[in-house]
PDB file of N, CA and C in Angstrom:
ATOM      1  N   MET A   1     184.867-117.716-112.021  1.00  0.00           N
ATOM      2  CA  MET A   1     185.023-118.471-113.238  1.00  0.00           C
ATOM      3  C   MET A   1     186.496-118.829-113.377  1.00  0.00           C
ATOM      4  N   GLU A   2     186.728-120.068-113.693  1.00  0.00           N
ATOM      5  CA  GLU A   2     188.091-120.527-113.874  1.00  0.00           C
ATOM      6  C   GLU A   2     188.372-120.691-115.370  1.00  0.00           C
ATOM      7  N   ALA A   3     189.596-120.401-115.745  1.00  0.00           N
ATOM      8  CA  ALA A   3     190.004-120.547-117.140  1.00  0.00           C
ATOM      9  C   ALA A   3     191.172-121.525-117.221  1.00  0.00           C
ATOM     10  N   ARG A   4     191.142-122.365-118.259  1.00  0.00           N
ATOM     11  CA  ARG A   4     192.208-123.326-118.486  1.00  0.00           C
ATOM     12  C   ARG A   4     192.521-123.325-119.973  1.00  0.00           C
ATOM     13  N   ARG A   5     193.786-123.252-120.285  1.00  0.00           N
ATOM     14  CA  ARG A   5     194.211-123.235-121.689  1.00  0.00           C
ATOM     15  C   ARG A   5     195.086-124.457-121.951  1.00  0.00           C
ATOM     16  N   ASP A   6     194.844-125.072-123.092  1.00  0.00           N
ATOM     17  CA  ASP A   6     195.735-126.129-123.555  1.00  0.00           C
ATOM     18  C   ASP A   6     195.925-125.967-125.065  1.00  0.00           C
ATOM     19  N   LYS A   7     196.503-126.954-125.709  1.00  0.00           N
ATOM     20  CA  LYS A   7     196.811-126.843-127.135  1.00  0.00           C
ATOM     21  C   LYS A   7     195.567-126.681-128.001  1.00  0.00           C
ATOM     22  N   SER A   8     194.452-127.224-127.548  1.00  0.00           N
ATOM     23  CA  SER A   8     193.246-127.172-128.387  1.00  0.00           C
ATOM     24  C   SER A   8     192.381-125.944-128.143  1.00  0.00           C
ATOM     25  N   GLY A   9     192.675-125.166-127.105  1.00  0.00           N
ATOM     26  CA  GLY A   9     191.891-123.952-126.896  1.00  0.00           C
ATOM     27  C   GLY A   9     191.826-123.507-125.450  1.00  0.00           C
ATOM     28  N   LEU A  10     190.904-122.600-125.208  1.00  0.00           N
ATOM     29  CA  LEU A  10     190.682-122.022-123.888  1.00  0.00           C
ATOM     30  C   LEU A  10     189.365-122.556-123.348  1.00  0.00           C
ATOM     31  N   TYR A  11     189.360-123.017-122.106  1.00  0.00           N
ATOM     32  CA  TYR A  11     188.166-123.583-121.491  1.00  0.00           C
ATOM     33  C   TYR A  11     187.795-122.782-120.255  1.00  0.00           C
ATOM     34  N   LEU A  12     186.545-122.416-120.171  1.00  0.00           N
ATOM     35  CA  LEU A  12     186.026-121.702-119.010  1.00  0.00           C
ATOM     36  C   LEU A  12     185.123-122.645-118.237  1.00  0.00           C
ATOM     37  N   THR A  13     185.233-122.633-116.926  1.00  0.00           N
ATOM     38  CA  THR A  13     184.426-123.526-116.104  1.00  0.00           C
ATOM     39  C   THR A  13     183.905-122.805-114.866  1.00  0.00           C
ATOM     40  N   ARG A  14     182.799-123.262-114.365  1.00  0.00           N
ATOM     41  CA  ARG A  14     182.193-122.721-113.145  1.00  0.00           C
ATOM     42  C   ARG A  14     182.145-123.798-112.065  1.00  0.00           C
ATOM     43  N   SER A  15     183.054-124.754-112.095  1.00  0.00           N
ATOM     44  CA  SER A  15     182.996-125.886-111.171  1.00  0.00           C
ATOM     45  C   SER A  15     183.116-125.457-109.715  1.00  0.00           C
ATOM     46  N   ALA A  16     183.923-124.460-109.414  1.00  0.00           N
ATOM     47  CA  ALA A  16     184.040-123.992-108.027  1.00  0.00           C
ATOM     48  C   ALA A  16     182.718-123.396-107.550  1.00  0.00           C
ATOM     49  N   TYR A  17     182.030-122.678-108.419  1.00  0.00           N
ATOM     50  CA  TYR A  17     180.733-122.090-108.068  1.00  0.00           C
ATOM     51  C   TYR A  17     179.689-123.184-107.844  1.00  0.00           C
ATOM     52  N   VAL A  18     179.697-124.205-108.685  1.00  0.00           N
ATOM     53  CA  VAL A  18     178.765-125.322-108.524  1.00  0.00           C
ATOM     54  C   VAL A  18     179.034-126.040-107.207  1.00  0.00           C
ATOM     55  N   LYS A  19     180.300-126.267-106.887  1.00  0.00           N
ATOM     56  CA  LYS A  19     180.645-126.912-105.614  1.00  0.00           C
ATOM     57  C   LYS A  19     180.191-126.071-104.431  1.00  0.00           C
ATOM     58  N   GLN A  20     180.301-124.754-104.557  1.00  0.00           N
ATOM     59  CA  GLN A  20     179.838-123.844-103.506  1.00  0.00           C
ATOM     60  C   GLN A  20     178.323-123.969-103.321  1.00  0.00           C
ATOM     61  N   LEU A  21     177.571-124.034-104.414  1.00  0.00           N
ATOM     62  CA  LEU A  21     176.118-124.206-104.325  1.00  0.00           C
ATOM     63  C   LEU A  21     175.758-125.543-103.690  1.00  0.00           C
ATOM     64  N   LEU A  22     176.460-126.601-104.072  1.00  0.00           N
ATOM     65  CA  LEU A  22     176.202-127.916-103.491  1.00  0.00           C
ATOM     66  C   LEU A  22     176.470-127.921-101.993  1.00  0.00           C
ATOM     67  N   LYS A  23     177.554-127.289-101.587  1.00  0.00           N
ATOM     68  CA  LYS A  23     177.877-127.213-100.165  1.00  0.00           C
ATOM     69  C   LYS A  23     176.811-126.415 -99.418  1.00  0.00           C
ATOM     70  N   LYS A  24     176.385-125.313 -99.998  1.00  0.00           N
ATOM     71  CA  LYS A  24     175.358-124.464 -99.389  1.00  0.00           C
ATOM     72  C   LYS A  24     174.051-125.232 -99.207  1.00  0.00           C
ATOM     73  N   GLY A  25     173.720-126.094-100.153  1.00  0.00           N
ATOM     74  CA  GLY A  25     172.493-126.879-100.090  1.00  0.00           C
ATOM     75  C   GLY A  25     172.629-128.178 -99.327  1.00  0.00           C
ATOM     76  N   GLY A  26     173.808-128.421 -98.739  1.00  0.00           N
ATOM     77  CA  GLY A  26     174.015-129.645 -97.973  1.00  0.00           C
ATOM     78  C   GLY A  26     174.138-130.882 -98.855  1.00  0.00           C
ATOM     79  N   MET A  27     174.581-130.694-100.081  1.00  0.00           N
ATOM     80  CA  MET A  27     174.694-131.807-101.014  1.00  0.00           C
ATOM     81  C   MET A  27     176.118-131.952-101.547  1.00  0.00           C
ATOM     82  N   ALA A  28     177.093-131.551-100.750  1.00  0.00           N
ATOM     83  CA  ALA A  28     178.489-131.575-101.199  1.00  0.00           C
ATOM     84  C   ALA A  28     178.984-132.987-101.490  1.00  0.00           C
ATOM     85  N   THR A  29     178.392-133.991-100.854  1.00  0.00           N
ATOM     86  CA  THR A  29     178.833-135.369-101.075  1.00  0.00           C
ATOM     87  C   THR A  29     177.946-136.107-102.073  1.00  0.00           C
ATOM     88  N   ALA A  30     177.004-135.402-102.688  1.00  0.00           N
ATOM     89  CA  ALA A  30     176.118-136.034-103.673  1.00  0.00           C
ATOM     90  C   ALA A  30     176.917-136.475-104.888  1.00  0.00           C
ATOM     91  N   LYS A  31     176.518-137.587-105.457  1.00  0.00           N
ATOM     92  CA  LYS A  31     177.208-138.105-106.634  1.00  0.00           C
ATOM     93  C   LYS A  31     176.532-137.576-107.896  1.00  0.00           C
ATOM     94  N   PRO A  32     177.317-137.135-108.876  1.00  0.00           N
ATOM     95  CA  PRO A  32     176.729-136.628-110.124  1.00  0.00           C
ATOM     96  C   PRO A  32     176.192-137.768-110.984  1.00  0.00           C
ATOM     97  N   ILE A  33     175.224-137.433-111.812  1.00  0.00           N
ATOM     98  CA  ILE A  33     174.722-138.389-112.793  1.00  0.00           C
ATOM     99  C   ILE A  33     174.705-137.708-114.157  1.00  0.00           C
ATOM    100  N   ASP A  34     174.926-138.475-115.180  1.00  0.00           N
ATOM    101  CA  ASP A  34     174.871-137.964-116.552  1.00  0.00           C
ATOM    102  C   ASP A  34     173.563-138.415-117.179  1.00  0.00           C
ATOM    103  N   SER A  35     172.489-137.865-116.688  1.00  0.00           N
ATOM    104  CA  SER A  35     171.181-138.262-117.176  1.00  0.00           C
ATOM    105  C   SER A  35     170.314-137.028-117.355  1.00  0.00           C
ATOM    106  N   PRO A  36     169.892-136.762-118.570  1.00  0.00           N
ATOM    107  CA  PRO A  36     169.009-135.609-118.761  1.00  0.00           C
ATOM    108  C   PRO A  36     167.643-135.875-118.149  1.00  0.00           C
ATOM    109  N   PHE A  37     166.956-134.824-117.791  1.00  0.00           N
ATOM    110  CA  PHE A  37     165.612-134.933-117.236  1.00  0.00           C
ATOM    111  C   PHE A  37     164.644-135.299-118.346  1.00  0.00           C
ATOM    112  N   SER A  38     163.764-136.214-118.071  1.00  0.00           N
ATOM    113  CA  SER A  38     162.765-136.620-119.048  1.00  0.00           C
ATOM    114  C   SER A  38     161.703-135.539-119.177  1.00  0.00           C
ATOM    115  N   VAL A  39     161.464-135.055-120.378  1.00  0.00           N
ATOM    116  CA  VAL A  39     160.530-133.959-120.608  1.00  0.00           C
ATOM    117  C   VAL A  39     159.118-134.336-120.188  1.00  0.00           C
ATOM    118  N   GLY A  40     158.722-135.575-120.347  1.00  0.00           N
ATOM    119  CA  GLY A  40     157.374-136.000-119.993  1.00  0.00           C
ATOM    120  C   GLY A  40     157.159-136.228-118.509  1.00  0.00           C
ATOM    121  N   LYS A  41     158.208-136.201-117.725  1.00  0.00           N
ATOM    122  CA  LYS A  41     158.112-136.467-116.288  1.00  0.00           C
ATOM    123  C   LYS A  41     157.484-135.277-115.575  1.00  0.00           C
ATOM    124  N   SER A  42     156.674-135.571-114.567  1.00  0.00           N
ATOM    125  CA  SER A  42     156.024-134.516-113.789  1.00  0.00           C
ATOM    126  C   SER A  42     156.628-134.446-112.397  1.00  0.00           C
ATOM    127  N   PHE A  43     156.697-133.246-111.873  1.00  0.00           N
ATOM    128  CA  PHE A  43     157.122-133.038-110.496  1.00  0.00           C
ATOM    129  C   PHE A  43     155.892-132.777-109.654  1.00  0.00           C
ATOM    130  N   TYR A  44     155.910-133.281-108.445  1.00  0.00           N
ATOM    131  CA  TYR A  44     154.834-133.021-107.498  1.00  0.00           C
ATOM    132  C   TYR A  44     155.448-132.602-106.181  1.00  0.00           C
ATOM    133  N   ALA A  45     154.818-131.680-105.509  1.00  0.00           N
ATOM    134  CA  ALA A  45     155.330-131.196-104.231  1.00  0.00           C
ATOM    135  C   ALA A  45     155.344-132.300-103.186  1.00  0.00           C
ATOM    136  N   ASP A  46     154.479-133.302-103.305  1.00  0.00           N
ATOM    137  CA  ASP A  46     154.433-134.378-102.319  1.00  0.00           C
ATOM    138  C   ASP A  46     155.193-135.625-102.776  1.00  0.00           C
ATOM    139  N   GLY A  47     156.039-135.485-103.761  1.00  0.00           N
ATOM    140  CA  GLY A  47     156.763-136.615-104.315  1.00  0.00           C
ATOM    141  C   GLY A  47     157.996-137.025-103.530  1.00  0.00           C
ATOM    142  N   GLY A  48     158.332-136.324-102.480  1.00  0.00           N
ATOM    143  CA  GLY A  48     159.510-136.650-101.699  1.00  0.00           C
ATOM    144  C   GLY A  48     159.674-135.649-100.579  1.00  0.00           C
ATOM    145  N   PRO A  49     160.800-135.716 -99.899  1.00  0.00           N
ATOM    146  CA  PRO A  49     161.011-134.765 -98.802  1.00  0.00           C
ATOM    147  C   PRO A  49     161.087-133.333 -99.321  1.00  0.00           C
ATOM    148  N   LEU A  50     160.418-132.443 -98.626  1.00  0.00           N
ATOM    149  CA  LEU A  50     160.395-131.042 -99.032  1.00  0.00           C
ATOM    150  C   LEU A  50     161.621-130.305 -98.529  1.00  0.00           C
ATOM    151  N   PHE A  51     161.958-129.270 -99.204  1.00  0.00           N
ATOM    152  CA  PHE A  51     163.029-128.370 -98.795  1.00  0.00           C
ATOM    153  C   PHE A  51     162.389-127.377 -97.836  1.00  0.00           C
ATOM    154  N   HIS A  52     162.544-127.594 -96.543  1.00  0.00           N
ATOM    155  CA  HIS A  52     161.807-126.807 -95.552  1.00  0.00           C
ATOM    156  C   HIS A  52     162.302-125.373 -95.415  1.00  0.00           C
ATOM    157  N   GLU A  53     163.541-125.114 -95.742  1.00  0.00           N
ATOM    158  CA  GLU A  53     164.072-123.754 -95.647  1.00  0.00           C
ATOM    159  C   GLU A  53     163.832-123.048 -96.981  1.00  0.00           C
ATOM    160  N   THR A  54     162.698-122.350 -97.076  1.00  0.00           N
ATOM    161  CA  THR A  54     162.328-121.739 -98.358  1.00  0.00           C
ATOM    162  C   THR A  54     163.318-120.664 -98.796  1.00  0.00           C
ATOM    163  N   ALA A  55     163.880-119.928 -97.845  1.00  0.00           N
ATOM    164  CA  ALA A  55     164.858-118.895 -98.214  1.00  0.00           C
ATOM    165  C   ALA A  55     166.101-119.537 -98.835  1.00  0.00           C
ATOM    166  N   LEU A  56     166.543-120.646 -98.280  1.00  0.00           N
ATOM    167  CA  LEU A  56     167.702-121.354 -98.830  1.00  0.00           C
ATOM    168  C   LEU A  56     167.365-121.922-100.210  1.00  0.00           C
ATOM    169  N   TYR A  57     166.180-122.493-100.348  1.00  0.00           N
ATOM    170  CA  TYR A  57     165.750-123.044-101.637  1.00  0.00           C
ATOM    171  C   TYR A  57     165.760-121.961-102.712  1.00  0.00           C
ATOM    172  N   ARG A  58     165.213-120.810-102.384  1.00  0.00           N
ATOM    173  CA  ARG A  58     165.179-119.705-103.343  1.00  0.00           C
ATOM    174  C   ARG A  58     166.576-119.196-103.663  1.00  0.00           C
ATOM    175  N   SER A  59     167.435-119.184-102.663  1.00  0.00           N
ATOM    176  CA  SER A  59     168.812-118.759-102.884  1.00  0.00           C
ATOM    177  C   SER A  59     169.533-119.724-103.831  1.00  0.00           C
ATOM    178  N   LEU A  60     169.325-121.016-103.610  1.00  0.00           N
ATOM    179  CA  LEU A  60     169.939-122.015-104.488  1.00  0.00           C
ATOM    180  C   LEU A  60     169.386-121.912-105.908  1.00  0.00           C
ATOM    181  N   LEU A  61     168.086-121.691-106.028  1.00  0.00           N
ATOM    182  CA  LEU A  61     167.496-121.510-107.357  1.00  0.00           C
ATOM    183  C   LEU A  61     168.075-120.281-108.053  1.00  0.00           C
ATOM    184  N   GLY A  62     168.283-119.217-107.300  1.00  0.00           N
ATOM    185  CA  GLY A  62     168.902-118.023-107.868  1.00  0.00           C
ATOM    186  C   GLY A  62     170.295-118.317-108.380  1.00  0.00           C
ATOM    187  N   GLY A  63     171.048-119.111-107.626  1.00  0.00           N
ATOM    188  CA  GLY A  63     172.378-119.510-108.068  1.00  0.00           C
ATOM    189  C   GLY A  63     172.331-120.345-109.335  1.00  0.00           C
ATOM    190  N   LEU A  64     171.346-121.238-109.408  1.00  0.00           N
ATOM    191  CA  LEU A  64     171.191-122.052-110.613  1.00  0.00           C
ATOM    192  C   LEU A  64     170.751-121.205-111.803  1.00  0.00           C
ATOM    193  N   GLN A  65     169.893-120.224-111.549  1.00  0.00           N
ATOM    194  CA  GLN A  65     169.483-119.312-112.624  1.00  0.00           C
ATOM    195  C   GLN A  65     170.704-118.566-113.168  1.00  0.00           C
ATOM    196  N   TYR A  66     171.597-118.174-112.279  1.00  0.00           N
ATOM    197  CA  TYR A  66     172.830-117.503-112.694  1.00  0.00           C
ATOM    198  C   TYR A  66     173.687-118.433-113.566  1.00  0.00           C
ATOM    199  N   LEU A  67     173.722-119.713-113.209  1.00  0.00           N
ATOM    200  CA  LEU A  67     174.510-120.674-113.987  1.00  0.00           C
ATOM    201  C   LEU A  67     173.954-120.876-115.389  1.00  0.00           C
ATOM    202  N   ILE A  68     172.669-120.634-115.579  1.00  0.00           N
ATOM    203  CA  ILE A  68     172.063-120.797-116.902  1.00  0.00           C
ATOM    204  C   ILE A  68     172.764-119.920-117.940  1.00  0.00           C
ATOM    205  N   ASN A  69     173.321-118.796-117.507  1.00  0.00           N
ATOM    206  CA  ASN A  69     174.033-117.912-118.442  1.00  0.00           C
ATOM    207  C   ASN A  69     175.197-118.614-119.127  1.00  0.00           C
ATOM    208  N   THR A  70     175.833-119.538-118.417  1.00  0.00           N
ATOM    209  CA  THR A  70     176.965-120.249-119.002  1.00  0.00           C
ATOM    210  C   THR A  70     176.639-121.701-119.325  1.00  0.00           C
ATOM    211  N   ARG A  71     175.534-122.222-118.804  1.00  0.00           N
ATOM    212  CA  ARG A  71     175.112-123.600-119.066  1.00  0.00           C
ATOM    213  C   ARG A  71     173.635-123.628-119.443  1.00  0.00           C
ATOM    214  N   PRO A  72     173.281-123.149-120.628  1.00  0.00           N
ATOM    215  CA  PRO A  72     171.863-123.102-121.005  1.00  0.00           C
ATOM    216  C   PRO A  72     171.194-124.473-121.029  1.00  0.00           C
ATOM    217  N   SER A  73     171.971-125.535-121.057  1.00  0.00           N
ATOM    218  CA  SER A  73     171.390-126.879-121.086  1.00  0.00           C
ATOM    219  C   SER A  73     170.636-127.217-119.801  1.00  0.00           C
ATOM    220  N   ILE A  74     170.877-126.477-118.717  1.00  0.00           N
ATOM    221  CA  ILE A  74     170.176-126.760-117.461  1.00  0.00           C
ATOM    222  C   ILE A  74     168.932-125.894-117.286  1.00  0.00           C
ATOM    223  N   SER A  75     168.623-125.049-118.258  1.00  0.00           N
ATOM    224  CA  SER A  75     167.517-124.102-118.088  1.00  0.00           C
ATOM    225  C   SER A  75     166.170-124.792-117.909  1.00  0.00           C
ATOM    226  N   PHE A  76     165.912-125.876-118.620  1.00  0.00           N
ATOM    227  CA  PHE A  76     164.617-126.549-118.503  1.00  0.00           C
ATOM    228  C   PHE A  76     164.383-127.046-117.085  1.00  0.00           C
ATOM    229  N   ILE A  77     165.342-127.776-116.538  1.00  0.00           N
ATOM    230  CA  ILE A  77     165.145-128.361-115.211  1.00  0.00           C
ATOM    231  C   ILE A  77     165.143-127.289-114.127  1.00  0.00           C
ATOM    232  N   VAL A  78     165.957-126.258-114.262  1.00  0.00           N
ATOM    233  CA  VAL A  78     165.971-125.180-113.266  1.00  0.00           C
ATOM    234  C   VAL A  78     164.627-124.460-113.265  1.00  0.00           C
ATOM    235  N   ASN A  79     164.071-124.223-114.436  1.00  0.00           N
ATOM    236  CA  ASN A  79     162.762-123.585-114.496  1.00  0.00           C
ATOM    237  C   ASN A  79     161.673-124.490-113.940  1.00  0.00           C
ATOM    238  N   LYS A  80     161.788-125.802-114.120  1.00  0.00           N
ATOM    239  CA  LYS A  80     160.842-126.741-113.505  1.00  0.00           C
ATOM    240  C   LYS A  80     160.938-126.662-111.985  1.00  0.00           C
ATOM    241  N   LEU A  81     162.162-126.641-111.466  1.00  0.00           N
ATOM    242  CA  LEU A  81     162.358-126.559-110.016  1.00  0.00           C
ATOM    243  C   LEU A  81     161.838-125.245-109.455  1.00  0.00           C
ATOM    244  N   SER A  82     161.866-124.199-110.261  1.00  0.00           N
ATOM    245  CA  SER A  82     161.387-122.890-109.817  1.00  0.00           C
ATOM    246  C   SER A  82     159.885-122.872-109.567  1.00  0.00           C
ATOM    247  N   GLN A  83     159.173-123.848-110.060  1.00  0.00           N
ATOM    248  CA  GLN A  83     157.728-123.918-109.836  1.00  0.00           C
ATOM    249  C   GLN A  83     157.391-124.291-108.398  1.00  0.00           C
ATOM    250  N   PHE A  84     158.354-124.812-107.657  1.00  0.00           N
ATOM    251  CA  PHE A  84     158.106-125.293-106.298  1.00  0.00           C
ATOM    252  C   PHE A  84     158.794-124.416-105.273  1.00  0.00           C
ATOM    253  N   GLN A  85     158.366-123.192-105.188  1.00  0.00           N
ATOM    254  CA  GLN A  85     158.906-122.279-104.185  1.00  0.00           C
ATOM    255  C   GLN A  85     157.931-122.223-103.073  1.00  0.00           C
TER     256      GLN A  85
END
């Protein structure tokens, strides 16, 4: 966890940990989007390329579950992704 202080307060960030997870998942060059997941949208296992390394997928999900402690806003989508192990 990184800490940064300025005149308005103290900021804690997990950006290095997120970058580590992205690198581990082979998505280090992926571009971020500022778009929340649509609640009515459904996921299907046959909707795209599968994550063939199940151990890696579970490891990445575990890392995302850990991030929920500091970023509860991602809990819905992480729990949705957890359905596809």
